[in-house]
Amino acid sequence: MEPIPAHAPPPKVTTREPAQIGERRLTVKKFAQLPILMVAYHVPEAAHPDYYALRVLQAILFAGQSSRMYQRLVDKDQLALSVRGSMQFALDPTLFIVSSQPKSGVAPQIVENAIYEEFEKAKSGGVTEQELEKAKNILLAQFYRQMKTDNGRANAIGTYEVFFGDYRKLYAAASEYQRITVGDVRRVAAAYFEEKNRTVATLMPESQAPSAPLDTVPA
C-alpha cells in the first residue's frame, strides 16, 4: 500500500439559499399538554461581520431571568412558562430560533405578538447603554470562563478554525464584543428580525385518541 497523495482542496461552495420573501407559517396538531411556539429568523454564518452584534442582541433579549424577553413574557405579563433564543455556530447562513411555551389558557398568538413587540423595541432604540454593557459582561464572562480549562481552550481553537476560518481570530473575540455599540444592535435587529424573514411553527395540543375497548382488541 502506498500513501494517498495530497490534492488541492475542493472549491468553496458559493451557492446560497435565496432570501425569503414572505413569512411562512405551519401548525402541527398532536397530543400534548401545552402549546409550543417556535419562530425562526434567517441570520448569517458565524464568520459574518454581524455575528458579534447578533450575539449581543441575543444576550440582551434572552440571557437569564433579567433579560427583556423573560421579564416581559414570564415575569411581568405571565404569558409563558419559558422563552429562549438561540443561534448556533454555522459555516453557512443559519437560523436564530425563538421558542416559548405559553401558559395554560394563553393563546400562542398572544405570546407571539409579545415577542415581536420586544424585537420592535430593540429596533427603535429601546436598548440602553446599561443593557449593552450588561450583555457584553455576560458574553465576556462566558468567554473567559471557557478559556480557564484545557478542554475549553481546545474547543475554542477548533471552533474558530472551523467556523471563522482562522483560529487566530479567537484572540480578537473579546475586543469584537467590546466594540459593539447600541447602533450596531439596532441595525442587526432591523436587518434580520422582520416579518418576511421569519418562519413560525406552532404545536397545538389535541385530545388523545380514545383507546379501543378491551373486547375489540385483536388477540
N, C-alpha and C. Protein backbone atom coordinates (compact mmCIF):
# COMPACT_ATOMS: atom_id res chain seq x y z
N MET A 1 0.83 -1.19 0.00
CA MET A 1 0.00 0.00 0.00
C MET A 1 0.87 1.25 0.00
N GLU A 2 0.43 2.22 -0.72
CA GLU A 2 1.16 3.49 -0.79
C GLU A 2 0.31 4.61 -0.22
N PRO A 3 0.94 5.65 0.30
CA PRO A 3 0.17 6.77 0.83
C PRO A 3 -0.61 7.48 -0.28
N ILE A 4 -1.75 7.98 0.07
CA ILE A 4 -2.57 8.73 -0.90
C ILE A 4 -1.97 10.13 -1.06
N PRO A 5 -1.65 10.51 -2.26
CA PRO A 5 -1.03 11.83 -2.44
C PRO A 5 -2.01 12.96 -2.12
N ALA A 6 -1.45 14.07 -1.66
CA ALA A 6 -2.27 15.22 -1.32
C ALA A 6 -2.83 15.86 -2.58
N HIS A 7 -4.03 16.39 -2.47
CA HIS A 7 -4.67 17.10 -3.57
C HIS A 7 -5.04 18.50 -3.13
N ALA A 8 -5.30 19.32 -4.11
CA ALA A 8 -5.77 20.68 -3.79
C ALA A 8 -7.14 20.59 -3.11
N PRO A 9 -7.42 21.48 -2.19
CA PRO A 9 -8.74 21.44 -1.52
C PRO A 9 -9.86 21.67 -2.52
N PRO A 10 -11.04 21.13 -2.25
CA PRO A 10 -12.17 21.31 -3.17
C PRO A 10 -12.56 22.79 -3.26
N PRO A 11 -13.17 23.18 -4.37
CA PRO A 11 -13.58 24.58 -4.49
C PRO A 11 -14.61 24.95 -3.44
N LYS A 12 -14.58 26.19 -3.00
CA LYS A 12 -15.50 26.66 -1.99
C LYS A 12 -16.93 26.68 -2.55
N VAL A 13 -17.88 26.25 -1.74
CA VAL A 13 -19.28 26.26 -2.15
C VAL A 13 -19.79 27.70 -2.08
N THR A 14 -20.28 28.19 -3.19
CA THR A 14 -20.76 29.58 -3.25
C THR A 14 -22.27 29.68 -3.40
N THR A 15 -22.95 28.55 -3.57
CA THR A 15 -24.40 28.57 -3.70
C THR A 15 -25.03 28.96 -2.37
N ARG A 16 -25.96 29.90 -2.41
CA ARG A 16 -26.62 30.37 -1.20
C ARG A 16 -28.14 30.28 -1.37
N GLU A 17 -28.81 30.02 -0.28
CA GLU A 17 -30.26 29.97 -0.31
C GLU A 17 -30.81 31.35 -0.64
N PRO A 18 -31.77 31.45 -1.55
CA PRO A 18 -32.36 32.76 -1.85
C PRO A 18 -33.00 33.37 -0.62
N ALA A 19 -32.99 34.68 -0.59
CA ALA A 19 -33.61 35.38 0.54
C ALA A 19 -35.10 35.05 0.62
N GLN A 20 -35.60 34.85 1.81
CA GLN A 20 -37.02 34.59 2.00
C GLN A 20 -37.80 35.88 1.71
N ILE A 21 -38.88 35.78 0.98
CA ILE A 21 -39.61 36.98 0.56
C ILE A 21 -40.97 37.10 1.22
N GLY A 22 -41.24 36.25 2.18
CA GLY A 22 -42.53 36.33 2.86
C GLY A 22 -42.57 35.39 4.04
N GLU A 23 -43.36 35.75 5.04
CA GLU A 23 -43.49 34.91 6.22
C GLU A 23 -44.06 33.54 5.86
N ARG A 24 -43.54 32.52 6.52
CA ARG A 24 -44.06 31.16 6.36
C ARG A 24 -44.61 30.70 7.71
N ARG A 25 -45.71 29.97 7.66
CA ARG A 25 -46.34 29.51 8.90
C ARG A 25 -46.75 28.05 8.77
N LEU A 26 -46.65 27.33 9.87
CA LEU A 26 -47.14 25.96 9.89
C LEU A 26 -47.67 25.64 11.27
N THR A 27 -48.65 24.75 11.31
CA THR A 27 -49.27 24.33 12.57
C THR A 27 -49.25 22.81 12.63
N VAL A 28 -48.80 22.30 13.75
CA VAL A 28 -48.79 20.86 13.99
C VAL A 28 -49.78 20.57 15.11
N LYS A 29 -50.66 19.59 14.89
CA LYS A 29 -51.62 19.21 15.91
C LYS A 29 -51.34 17.78 16.35
N LYS A 30 -51.10 17.62 17.64
CA LYS A 30 -50.85 16.30 18.19
C LYS A 30 -51.12 16.34 19.68
N PHE A 31 -51.14 15.18 20.30
CA PHE A 31 -51.39 15.12 21.74
C PHE A 31 -50.24 15.78 22.47
N ALA A 32 -50.56 16.74 23.33
CA ALA A 32 -49.57 17.45 24.13
C ALA A 32 -50.28 18.13 25.29
N GLN A 33 -49.52 18.46 26.32
CA GLN A 33 -50.10 19.13 27.47
C GLN A 33 -50.35 20.61 27.20
N LEU A 34 -49.39 21.26 26.53
CA LEU A 34 -49.47 22.70 26.27
C LEU A 34 -48.96 23.01 24.86
N PRO A 35 -49.33 24.15 24.32
CA PRO A 35 -48.79 24.54 23.01
C PRO A 35 -47.30 24.85 23.11
N ILE A 36 -46.64 24.85 21.97
CA ILE A 36 -45.26 25.30 21.85
C ILE A 36 -45.18 26.21 20.63
N LEU A 37 -44.50 27.32 20.79
CA LEU A 37 -44.32 28.28 19.70
C LEU A 37 -42.85 28.38 19.35
N MET A 38 -42.53 28.32 18.06
CA MET A 38 -41.16 28.50 17.59
C MET A 38 -41.16 29.48 16.42
N VAL A 39 -40.26 30.45 16.48
CA VAL A 39 -40.12 31.45 15.42
C VAL A 39 -38.66 31.46 14.98
N ALA A 40 -38.42 31.22 13.71
CA ALA A 40 -37.05 31.13 13.18
C ALA A 40 -36.80 32.27 12.20
N TYR A 41 -35.68 32.96 12.39
CA TYR A 41 -35.26 34.04 11.50
C TYR A 41 -33.95 33.66 10.82
N HIS A 42 -33.84 33.95 9.53
CA HIS A 42 -32.58 33.73 8.83
C HIS A 42 -31.54 34.75 9.30
N VAL A 43 -30.35 34.25 9.66
CA VAL A 43 -29.22 35.10 10.05
C VAL A 43 -27.96 34.58 9.37
N PRO A 44 -26.90 35.38 9.33
CA PRO A 44 -25.69 34.95 8.61
C PRO A 44 -24.88 33.90 9.36
N GLU A 45 -23.88 33.39 8.67
CA GLU A 45 -22.94 32.43 9.22
C GLU A 45 -22.05 33.09 10.28
N ALA A 46 -21.33 32.26 11.03
CA ALA A 46 -20.52 32.76 12.15
C ALA A 46 -19.43 33.72 11.71
N ALA A 47 -18.88 33.53 10.52
CA ALA A 47 -17.78 34.38 10.07
C ALA A 47 -18.25 35.74 9.55
N HIS A 48 -19.54 35.97 9.52
CA HIS A 48 -20.08 37.24 9.01
C HIS A 48 -19.79 38.38 10.00
N PRO A 49 -19.57 39.59 9.50
CA PRO A 49 -19.28 40.73 10.38
C PRO A 49 -20.38 41.02 11.40
N ASP A 50 -21.62 40.59 11.16
CA ASP A 50 -22.72 40.87 12.08
C ASP A 50 -22.81 39.86 13.22
N TYR A 51 -21.96 38.85 13.24
CA TYR A 51 -22.07 37.79 14.23
C TYR A 51 -22.04 38.33 15.66
N TYR A 52 -21.07 39.16 15.98
CA TYR A 52 -20.92 39.61 17.37
C TYR A 52 -22.07 40.52 17.79
N ALA A 53 -22.55 41.34 16.90
CA ALA A 53 -23.71 42.20 17.23
C ALA A 53 -24.95 41.34 17.49
N LEU A 54 -25.12 40.26 16.72
CA LEU A 54 -26.24 39.37 16.93
C LEU A 54 -26.13 38.65 18.28
N ARG A 55 -24.92 38.28 18.67
CA ARG A 55 -24.73 37.64 19.97
C ARG A 55 -25.07 38.61 21.11
N VAL A 56 -24.69 39.87 20.95
CA VAL A 56 -25.01 40.86 21.97
C VAL A 56 -26.52 41.05 22.06
N LEU A 57 -27.18 41.14 20.91
CA LEU A 57 -28.65 41.26 20.91
C LEU A 57 -29.29 40.05 21.56
N GLN A 58 -28.79 38.87 21.27
CA GLN A 58 -29.31 37.65 21.88
C GLN A 58 -29.20 37.73 23.40
N ALA A 59 -28.06 38.21 23.91
CA ALA A 59 -27.88 38.31 25.35
C ALA A 59 -28.84 39.32 25.97
N ILE A 60 -29.03 40.45 25.31
CA ILE A 60 -29.95 41.47 25.83
C ILE A 60 -31.37 40.93 25.92
N LEU A 61 -31.79 40.20 24.92
CA LEU A 61 -33.17 39.74 24.86
C LEU A 61 -33.43 38.45 25.64
N PHE A 62 -32.42 37.55 25.74
CA PHE A 62 -32.71 36.20 26.22
C PHE A 62 -31.82 35.69 27.34
N ALA A 63 -30.76 36.39 27.72
CA ALA A 63 -29.81 35.83 28.69
C ALA A 63 -30.29 36.02 30.13
N GLY A 64 -30.81 34.97 30.72
CA GLY A 64 -31.16 34.99 32.12
C GLY A 64 -32.53 35.58 32.43
N GLN A 65 -32.87 35.55 33.70
CA GLN A 65 -34.20 35.98 34.14
C GLN A 65 -34.36 37.50 34.14
N SER A 66 -33.29 38.24 33.99
CA SER A 66 -33.39 39.70 33.89
C SER A 66 -33.44 40.18 32.45
N SER A 67 -33.43 39.24 31.50
CA SER A 67 -33.46 39.61 30.09
C SER A 67 -34.81 40.18 29.71
N ARG A 68 -34.85 40.88 28.61
CA ARG A 68 -36.09 41.54 28.17
C ARG A 68 -37.22 40.55 27.92
N MET A 69 -36.93 39.48 27.20
CA MET A 69 -37.99 38.53 26.86
C MET A 69 -38.51 37.82 28.10
N TYR A 70 -37.62 37.40 28.99
CA TYR A 70 -38.07 36.72 30.21
C TYR A 70 -38.90 37.65 31.06
N GLN A 71 -38.42 38.87 31.25
CA GLN A 71 -39.16 39.83 32.06
C GLN A 71 -40.55 40.10 31.48
N ARG A 72 -40.63 40.21 30.16
CA ARG A 72 -41.92 40.53 29.54
C ARG A 72 -42.87 39.33 29.55
N LEU A 73 -42.41 38.19 29.06
CA LEU A 73 -43.32 37.06 28.85
C LEU A 73 -43.56 36.24 30.10
N VAL A 74 -42.52 36.00 30.89
CA VAL A 74 -42.63 35.08 32.02
C VAL A 74 -42.91 35.82 33.32
N ASP A 75 -42.20 36.91 33.56
CA ASP A 75 -42.31 37.59 34.84
C ASP A 75 -43.43 38.62 34.87
N LYS A 76 -43.38 39.61 34.00
CA LYS A 76 -44.32 40.73 34.06
C LYS A 76 -45.72 40.33 33.60
N ASP A 77 -45.85 39.93 32.34
CA ASP A 77 -47.18 39.62 31.79
C ASP A 77 -47.65 38.20 32.09
N GLN A 78 -46.71 37.33 32.50
CA GLN A 78 -47.03 35.94 32.84
C GLN A 78 -47.81 35.25 31.73
N LEU A 79 -47.26 35.37 30.53
CA LEU A 79 -47.87 34.74 29.36
C LEU A 79 -47.31 33.35 29.08
N ALA A 80 -46.06 33.12 29.50
CA ALA A 80 -45.38 31.89 29.11
C ALA A 80 -44.63 31.28 30.29
N LEU A 81 -44.41 29.97 30.19
CA LEU A 81 -43.60 29.27 31.19
C LEU A 81 -42.12 29.42 30.91
N SER A 82 -41.78 29.62 29.64
CA SER A 82 -40.37 29.74 29.26
C SER A 82 -40.26 30.48 27.94
N VAL A 83 -39.08 31.06 27.70
CA VAL A 83 -38.77 31.66 26.41
C VAL A 83 -37.25 31.60 26.23
N ARG A 84 -36.84 31.20 25.05
CA ARG A 84 -35.41 31.05 24.75
C ARG A 84 -35.11 31.57 23.35
N GLY A 85 -33.88 32.03 23.17
CA GLY A 85 -33.42 32.44 21.85
C GLY A 85 -32.04 31.87 21.61
N SER A 86 -31.83 31.19 20.50
CA SER A 86 -30.55 30.52 20.26
C SER A 86 -30.09 30.70 18.82
N MET A 87 -28.76 30.73 18.66
CA MET A 87 -28.14 30.82 17.35
C MET A 87 -26.85 30.01 17.42
N GLN A 88 -26.74 28.96 16.63
CA GLN A 88 -25.60 28.06 16.70
C GLN A 88 -24.48 28.52 15.77
N PHE A 89 -23.24 28.08 16.08
CA PHE A 89 -22.13 28.27 15.15
C PHE A 89 -22.49 27.59 13.83
N ALA A 90 -22.16 28.22 12.71
CA ALA A 90 -22.52 27.63 11.42
C ALA A 90 -21.56 28.11 10.34
N LEU A 91 -21.25 27.21 9.42
CA LEU A 91 -20.41 27.56 8.27
C LEU A 91 -21.20 28.35 7.23
N ASP A 92 -22.50 28.10 7.18
CA ASP A 92 -23.38 28.73 6.20
C ASP A 92 -24.42 29.57 6.94
N PRO A 93 -25.14 30.41 6.22
CA PRO A 93 -26.24 31.13 6.87
C PRO A 93 -27.14 30.16 7.63
N THR A 94 -27.60 30.60 8.78
CA THR A 94 -28.29 29.70 9.69
C THR A 94 -29.56 30.35 10.22
N LEU A 95 -30.07 29.86 11.34
CA LEU A 95 -31.32 30.37 11.90
C LEU A 95 -31.11 30.84 13.34
N PHE A 96 -31.76 31.92 13.66
CA PHE A 96 -31.91 32.37 15.04
C PHE A 96 -33.31 31.91 15.46
N ILE A 97 -33.38 31.01 16.45
CA ILE A 97 -34.64 30.37 16.79
C ILE A 97 -35.12 30.85 18.16
N VAL A 98 -36.34 31.34 18.19
CA VAL A 98 -37.00 31.73 19.43
C VAL A 98 -38.04 30.66 19.74
N SER A 99 -38.01 30.13 20.95
CA SER A 99 -39.00 29.12 21.34
C SER A 99 -39.62 29.52 22.67
N SER A 100 -40.91 29.25 22.79
CA SER A 100 -41.62 29.61 24.02
C SER A 100 -42.76 28.64 24.25
N GLN A 101 -43.05 28.39 25.51
CA GLN A 101 -44.21 27.56 25.86
C GLN A 101 -45.22 28.44 26.60
N PRO A 102 -46.33 28.76 25.93
CA PRO A 102 -47.36 29.56 26.58
C PRO A 102 -47.92 28.86 27.81
N LYS A 103 -48.37 29.67 28.77
CA LYS A 103 -49.03 29.09 29.94
C LYS A 103 -50.40 28.53 29.55
N SER A 104 -50.92 27.67 30.39
CA SER A 104 -52.24 27.10 30.15
C SER A 104 -53.27 28.22 30.06
N GLY A 105 -54.08 28.18 28.99
CA GLY A 105 -55.12 29.17 28.80
C GLY A 105 -54.69 30.40 28.03
N VAL A 106 -53.39 30.51 27.70
CA VAL A 106 -52.88 31.65 26.93
C VAL A 106 -52.70 31.24 25.48
N ALA A 107 -53.34 31.94 24.57
CA ALA A 107 -53.23 31.61 23.15
C ALA A 107 -51.81 31.89 22.65
N PRO A 108 -51.23 30.98 21.84
CA PRO A 108 -49.89 31.21 21.31
C PRO A 108 -49.75 32.54 20.58
N GLN A 109 -50.81 33.01 19.94
CA GLN A 109 -50.74 34.27 19.20
C GLN A 109 -50.42 35.44 20.12
N ILE A 110 -50.91 35.40 21.35
CA ILE A 110 -50.62 36.47 22.31
C ILE A 110 -49.13 36.48 22.66
N VAL A 111 -48.56 35.30 22.88
CA VAL A 111 -47.13 35.19 23.15
C VAL A 111 -46.32 35.64 21.94
N GLU A 112 -46.76 35.22 20.77
CA GLU A 112 -46.08 35.59 19.54
C GLU A 112 -46.04 37.11 19.36
N ASN A 113 -47.16 37.77 19.59
CA ASN A 113 -47.21 39.22 19.44
C ASN A 113 -46.28 39.92 20.44
N ALA A 114 -46.21 39.39 21.66
CA ALA A 114 -45.33 39.99 22.66
C ALA A 114 -43.86 39.87 22.25
N ILE A 115 -43.50 38.74 21.65
CA ILE A 115 -42.12 38.55 21.16
C ILE A 115 -41.80 39.58 20.10
N TYR A 116 -42.71 39.78 19.16
CA TYR A 116 -42.48 40.76 18.10
C TYR A 116 -42.37 42.18 18.66
N GLU A 117 -43.15 42.48 19.67
CA GLU A 117 -43.09 43.81 20.27
C GLU A 117 -41.72 44.08 20.89
N GLU A 118 -41.13 43.06 21.50
CA GLU A 118 -39.80 43.25 22.09
C GLU A 118 -38.73 43.42 21.02
N PHE A 119 -38.86 42.72 19.92
CA PHE A 119 -37.93 42.94 18.81
C PHE A 119 -38.09 44.36 18.25
N GLU A 120 -39.32 44.83 18.16
CA GLU A 120 -39.54 46.19 17.64
C GLU A 120 -38.93 47.24 18.57
N LYS A 121 -39.00 47.02 19.86
CA LYS A 121 -38.38 47.94 20.80
C LYS A 121 -36.86 47.99 20.61
N ALA A 122 -36.27 46.82 20.32
CA ALA A 122 -34.82 46.80 20.08
C ALA A 122 -34.46 47.56 18.81
N LYS A 123 -35.34 47.51 17.83
CA LYS A 123 -35.09 48.23 16.58
C LYS A 123 -35.22 49.74 16.74
N SER A 124 -36.14 50.17 17.58
CA SER A 124 -36.49 51.59 17.66
C SER A 124 -35.68 52.37 18.67
N GLY A 125 -34.63 51.75 19.22
CA GLY A 125 -33.76 52.48 20.14
C GLY A 125 -34.04 52.23 21.59
N GLY A 126 -34.80 51.18 21.90
CA GLY A 126 -35.11 50.90 23.30
C GLY A 126 -33.96 50.33 24.10
N VAL A 127 -32.90 49.84 23.42
CA VAL A 127 -31.75 49.27 24.12
C VAL A 127 -30.92 50.39 24.74
N THR A 128 -30.62 50.26 26.02
CA THR A 128 -29.85 51.28 26.73
C THR A 128 -28.37 50.90 26.80
N GLU A 129 -27.55 51.88 27.12
CA GLU A 129 -26.12 51.62 27.30
C GLU A 129 -25.89 50.66 28.45
N GLN A 130 -26.71 50.75 29.48
CA GLN A 130 -26.58 49.84 30.62
C GLN A 130 -26.86 48.40 30.20
N GLU A 131 -27.90 48.20 29.41
CA GLU A 131 -28.20 46.85 28.92
C GLU A 131 -27.08 46.34 28.02
N LEU A 132 -26.53 47.23 27.21
CA LEU A 132 -25.44 46.84 26.32
C LEU A 132 -24.24 46.36 27.12
N GLU A 133 -23.84 47.11 28.14
CA GLU A 133 -22.69 46.73 28.95
C GLU A 133 -22.96 45.43 29.71
N LYS A 134 -24.17 45.27 30.19
CA LYS A 134 -24.52 44.03 30.89
C LYS A 134 -24.38 42.83 29.96
N ALA A 135 -24.89 42.96 28.73
CA ALA A 135 -24.80 41.86 27.76
C ALA A 135 -23.35 41.54 27.44
N LYS A 136 -22.54 42.57 27.25
CA LYS A 136 -21.12 42.34 26.98
C LYS A 136 -20.45 41.62 28.15
N ASN A 137 -20.78 42.03 29.36
CA ASN A 137 -20.18 41.38 30.53
C ASN A 137 -20.55 39.91 30.61
N ILE A 138 -21.81 39.59 30.28
CA ILE A 138 -22.24 38.19 30.28
C ILE A 138 -21.45 37.38 29.26
N LEU A 139 -21.32 37.92 28.04
CA LEU A 139 -20.64 37.20 26.97
C LEU A 139 -19.14 37.08 27.25
N LEU A 140 -18.53 38.13 27.77
CA LEU A 140 -17.11 38.08 28.08
C LEU A 140 -16.83 37.13 29.24
N ALA A 141 -17.72 37.10 30.24
CA ALA A 141 -17.55 36.17 31.35
C ALA A 141 -17.62 34.73 30.85
N GLN A 142 -18.56 34.45 29.95
CA GLN A 142 -18.65 33.10 29.37
C GLN A 142 -17.38 32.76 28.60
N PHE A 143 -16.88 33.74 27.84
CA PHE A 143 -15.68 33.53 27.02
C PHE A 143 -14.47 33.22 27.89
N TYR A 144 -14.23 34.03 28.91
CA TYR A 144 -13.05 33.83 29.76
C TYR A 144 -13.19 32.59 30.63
N ARG A 145 -14.41 32.25 31.00
CA ARG A 145 -14.63 31.02 31.77
C ARG A 145 -14.24 29.81 30.93
N GLN A 146 -14.57 29.86 29.64
CA GLN A 146 -14.19 28.77 28.74
C GLN A 146 -12.67 28.66 28.62
N MET A 147 -11.98 29.80 28.63
CA MET A 147 -10.54 29.82 28.45
C MET A 147 -9.77 29.31 29.67
N LYS A 148 -10.45 29.06 30.79
CA LYS A 148 -9.77 28.65 32.01
C LYS A 148 -9.36 27.18 32.01
N THR A 149 -9.94 26.37 31.12
CA THR A 149 -9.63 24.94 31.10
C THR A 149 -8.99 24.54 29.78
N ASP A 150 -8.21 23.48 29.82
CA ASP A 150 -7.59 22.96 28.59
C ASP A 150 -8.65 22.56 27.57
N ASN A 151 -9.70 21.89 28.06
CA ASN A 151 -10.76 21.46 27.15
C ASN A 151 -11.47 22.66 26.53
N GLY A 152 -11.72 23.69 27.32
CA GLY A 152 -12.38 24.88 26.81
C GLY A 152 -11.54 25.58 25.76
N ARG A 153 -10.24 25.70 26.02
CA ARG A 153 -9.35 26.34 25.04
C ARG A 153 -9.28 25.54 23.76
N ALA A 154 -9.21 24.21 23.89
CA ALA A 154 -9.15 23.37 22.70
C ALA A 154 -10.42 23.50 21.87
N ASN A 155 -11.58 23.51 22.53
CA ASN A 155 -12.84 23.68 21.81
C ASN A 155 -12.92 25.03 21.13
N ALA A 156 -12.45 26.06 21.81
CA ALA A 156 -12.50 27.40 21.23
C ALA A 156 -11.59 27.50 20.01
N ILE A 157 -10.39 26.94 20.09
CA ILE A 157 -9.46 26.96 18.96
C ILE A 157 -10.08 26.23 17.77
N GLY A 158 -10.64 25.05 18.02
CA GLY A 158 -11.27 24.30 16.94
C GLY A 158 -12.46 25.02 16.35
N THR A 159 -13.26 25.63 17.20
CA THR A 159 -14.44 26.36 16.72
C THR A 159 -14.05 27.51 15.81
N TYR A 160 -13.05 28.29 16.22
CA TYR A 160 -12.65 29.44 15.40
C TYR A 160 -11.96 29.00 14.12
N GLU A 161 -11.22 27.92 14.16
CA GLU A 161 -10.58 27.43 12.94
C GLU A 161 -11.63 26.95 11.94
N VAL A 162 -12.63 26.23 12.42
CA VAL A 162 -13.64 25.65 11.53
C VAL A 162 -14.65 26.70 11.07
N PHE A 163 -15.22 27.44 12.01
CA PHE A 163 -16.36 28.30 11.67
C PHE A 163 -15.96 29.73 11.30
N PHE A 164 -14.83 30.19 11.78
CA PHE A 164 -14.39 31.55 11.48
C PHE A 164 -13.24 31.59 10.47
N GLY A 165 -12.71 30.41 10.13
CA GLY A 165 -11.70 30.34 9.10
C GLY A 165 -10.27 30.50 9.56
N ASP A 166 -10.04 30.83 10.83
CA ASP A 166 -8.68 31.03 11.33
C ASP A 166 -8.74 31.05 12.86
N TYR A 167 -8.01 30.13 13.49
CA TYR A 167 -8.06 30.04 14.95
C TYR A 167 -7.53 31.32 15.60
N ARG A 168 -6.70 32.08 14.88
CA ARG A 168 -6.13 33.30 15.47
C ARG A 168 -7.16 34.40 15.68
N LYS A 169 -8.33 34.28 15.03
CA LYS A 169 -9.40 35.24 15.27
C LYS A 169 -9.94 35.13 16.70
N LEU A 170 -9.66 34.00 17.34
CA LEU A 170 -10.04 33.83 18.74
C LEU A 170 -9.42 34.92 19.61
N TYR A 171 -8.20 35.35 19.26
CA TYR A 171 -7.51 36.33 20.09
C TYR A 171 -8.20 37.70 20.06
N ALA A 172 -9.02 37.94 19.05
CA ALA A 172 -9.69 39.23 18.93
C ALA A 172 -11.15 39.17 19.38
N ALA A 173 -11.60 38.02 19.86
CA ALA A 173 -13.02 37.85 20.19
C ALA A 173 -13.46 38.84 21.26
N ALA A 174 -12.69 39.01 22.31
CA ALA A 174 -13.08 39.92 23.39
C ALA A 174 -13.21 41.35 22.89
N SER A 175 -12.27 41.79 22.08
CA SER A 175 -12.35 43.15 21.55
C SER A 175 -13.50 43.30 20.56
N GLU A 176 -13.87 42.22 19.85
CA GLU A 176 -15.01 42.27 18.94
C GLU A 176 -16.31 42.51 19.71
N TYR A 177 -16.45 41.86 20.86
CA TYR A 177 -17.62 42.12 21.70
C TYR A 177 -17.60 43.55 22.23
N GLN A 178 -16.43 44.00 22.65
CA GLN A 178 -16.34 45.33 23.27
C GLN A 178 -16.68 46.46 22.30
N ARG A 179 -16.40 46.26 21.02
CA ARG A 179 -16.61 47.36 20.07
C ARG A 179 -18.08 47.52 19.65
N ILE A 180 -18.94 46.57 20.01
CA ILE A 180 -20.35 46.66 19.60
C ILE A 180 -21.03 47.84 20.29
N THR A 181 -21.78 48.60 19.53
CA THR A 181 -22.49 49.77 20.04
C THR A 181 -24.00 49.54 20.04
N VAL A 182 -24.71 50.45 20.69
CA VAL A 182 -26.18 50.39 20.66
C VAL A 182 -26.66 50.48 19.22
N GLY A 183 -25.99 51.31 18.40
CA GLY A 183 -26.36 51.41 16.99
C GLY A 183 -26.21 50.11 16.24
N ASP A 184 -25.16 49.33 16.56
CA ASP A 184 -24.98 48.03 15.92
C ASP A 184 -26.12 47.08 16.28
N VAL A 185 -26.54 47.11 17.54
CA VAL A 185 -27.63 46.24 17.99
C VAL A 185 -28.93 46.61 17.27
N ARG A 186 -29.21 47.89 17.17
CA ARG A 186 -30.41 48.34 16.47
C ARG A 186 -30.36 47.92 15.00
N ARG A 187 -29.19 48.05 14.40
CA ARG A 187 -29.06 47.74 12.97
C ARG A 187 -29.34 46.27 12.68
N VAL A 188 -28.74 45.37 13.45
CA VAL A 188 -28.97 43.94 13.16
C VAL A 188 -30.39 43.53 13.52
N ALA A 189 -30.98 44.15 14.54
CA ALA A 189 -32.37 43.85 14.88
C ALA A 189 -33.29 44.21 13.71
N ALA A 190 -33.01 45.36 13.09
CA ALA A 190 -33.84 45.79 11.96
C ALA A 190 -33.57 44.98 10.71
N ALA A 191 -32.32 44.53 10.54
CA ALA A 191 -31.94 43.83 9.32
C ALA A 191 -32.48 42.41 9.25
N TYR A 192 -32.56 41.72 10.39
CA TYR A 192 -32.87 40.28 10.35
C TYR A 192 -34.21 39.92 10.99
N PHE A 193 -34.69 40.69 11.95
CA PHE A 193 -35.89 40.29 12.68
C PHE A 193 -37.11 41.03 12.15
N GLU A 194 -37.45 40.69 10.93
CA GLU A 194 -38.59 41.30 10.27
C GLU A 194 -39.54 40.20 9.79
N GLU A 195 -40.76 40.60 9.48
CA GLU A 195 -41.82 39.64 9.16
C GLU A 195 -41.47 38.72 8.00
N LYS A 196 -40.98 39.27 6.90
CA LYS A 196 -40.76 38.46 5.71
C LYS A 196 -39.60 37.48 5.88
N ASN A 197 -38.80 37.66 6.92
CA ASN A 197 -37.62 36.82 7.13
C ASN A 197 -37.85 35.72 8.15
N ARG A 198 -39.09 35.49 8.55
CA ARG A 198 -39.33 34.54 9.62
C ARG A 198 -40.25 33.39 9.18
N THR A 199 -40.09 32.27 9.89
CA THR A 199 -40.97 31.12 9.76
C THR A 199 -41.51 30.80 11.15
N VAL A 200 -42.82 30.67 11.26
CA VAL A 200 -43.48 30.48 12.55
C VAL A 200 -44.10 29.08 12.59
N ALA A 201 -43.74 28.31 13.61
CA ALA A 201 -44.30 26.97 13.79
C ALA A 201 -44.99 26.90 15.15
N THR A 202 -46.19 26.35 15.17
CA THR A 202 -46.96 26.25 16.41
C THR A 202 -47.45 24.82 16.59
N LEU A 203 -47.17 24.28 17.76
CA LEU A 203 -47.74 22.99 18.14
C LEU A 203 -49.01 23.26 18.93
N MET A 204 -50.13 22.77 18.42
CA MET A 204 -51.42 22.93 19.09
C MET A 204 -51.87 21.59 19.64
N PRO A 205 -52.08 21.49 20.94
CA PRO A 205 -52.48 20.20 21.53
C PRO A 205 -53.87 19.76 21.04
N GLU A 206 -54.02 18.49 20.88
CA GLU A 206 -55.35 17.94 20.62
C GLU A 206 -55.55 16.74 21.52
N SER A 207 -56.78 16.39 21.74
CA SER A 207 -57.08 15.30 22.67
C SER A 207 -56.48 13.99 22.18
N GLN A 208 -56.05 13.20 23.13
CA GLN A 208 -55.52 11.88 22.79
C GLN A 208 -56.63 11.01 22.26
N ALA A 209 -56.33 10.25 21.20
CA ALA A 209 -57.34 9.36 20.62
C ALA A 209 -57.81 8.36 21.66
N PRO A 210 -59.11 8.13 21.74
CA PRO A 210 -59.64 7.19 22.75
C PRO A 210 -59.13 5.77 22.49
N SER A 211 -58.85 5.07 23.57
CA SER A 211 -58.39 3.68 23.45
C SER A 211 -59.54 2.78 23.03
N ALA A 212 -59.21 1.75 22.25
CA ALA A 212 -60.24 0.80 21.83
C ALA A 212 -60.71 -0.03 23.03
N PRO A 213 -61.99 -0.35 23.10
CA PRO A 213 -62.46 -1.24 24.19
C PRO A 213 -61.70 -2.53 24.20
N LEU A 214 -61.54 -3.11 25.40
CA LEU A 214 -60.73 -4.31 25.53
C LEU A 214 -61.27 -5.46 24.71
N ASP A 215 -62.62 -5.55 24.59
CA ASP A 215 -63.18 -6.69 23.85
C ASP A 215 -63.03 -6.56 22.35
N THR A 216 -62.50 -5.39 21.87
CA THR A 216 -62.31 -5.26 20.43
C THR A 216 -60.83 -5.34 20.03
N VAL A 217 -59.95 -5.48 21.01
CA VAL A 217 -58.53 -5.57 20.71
C VAL A 217 -58.22 -6.97 20.18
N PRO A 218 -57.57 -7.09 19.01
CA PRO A 218 -57.26 -8.41 18.47
C PRO A 218 -56.38 -9.21 19.43
N ALA A 219 -56.57 -10.52 19.42
CA ALA A 219 -55.76 -11.39 20.28
C ALA A 219 -54.35 -11.47 19.74
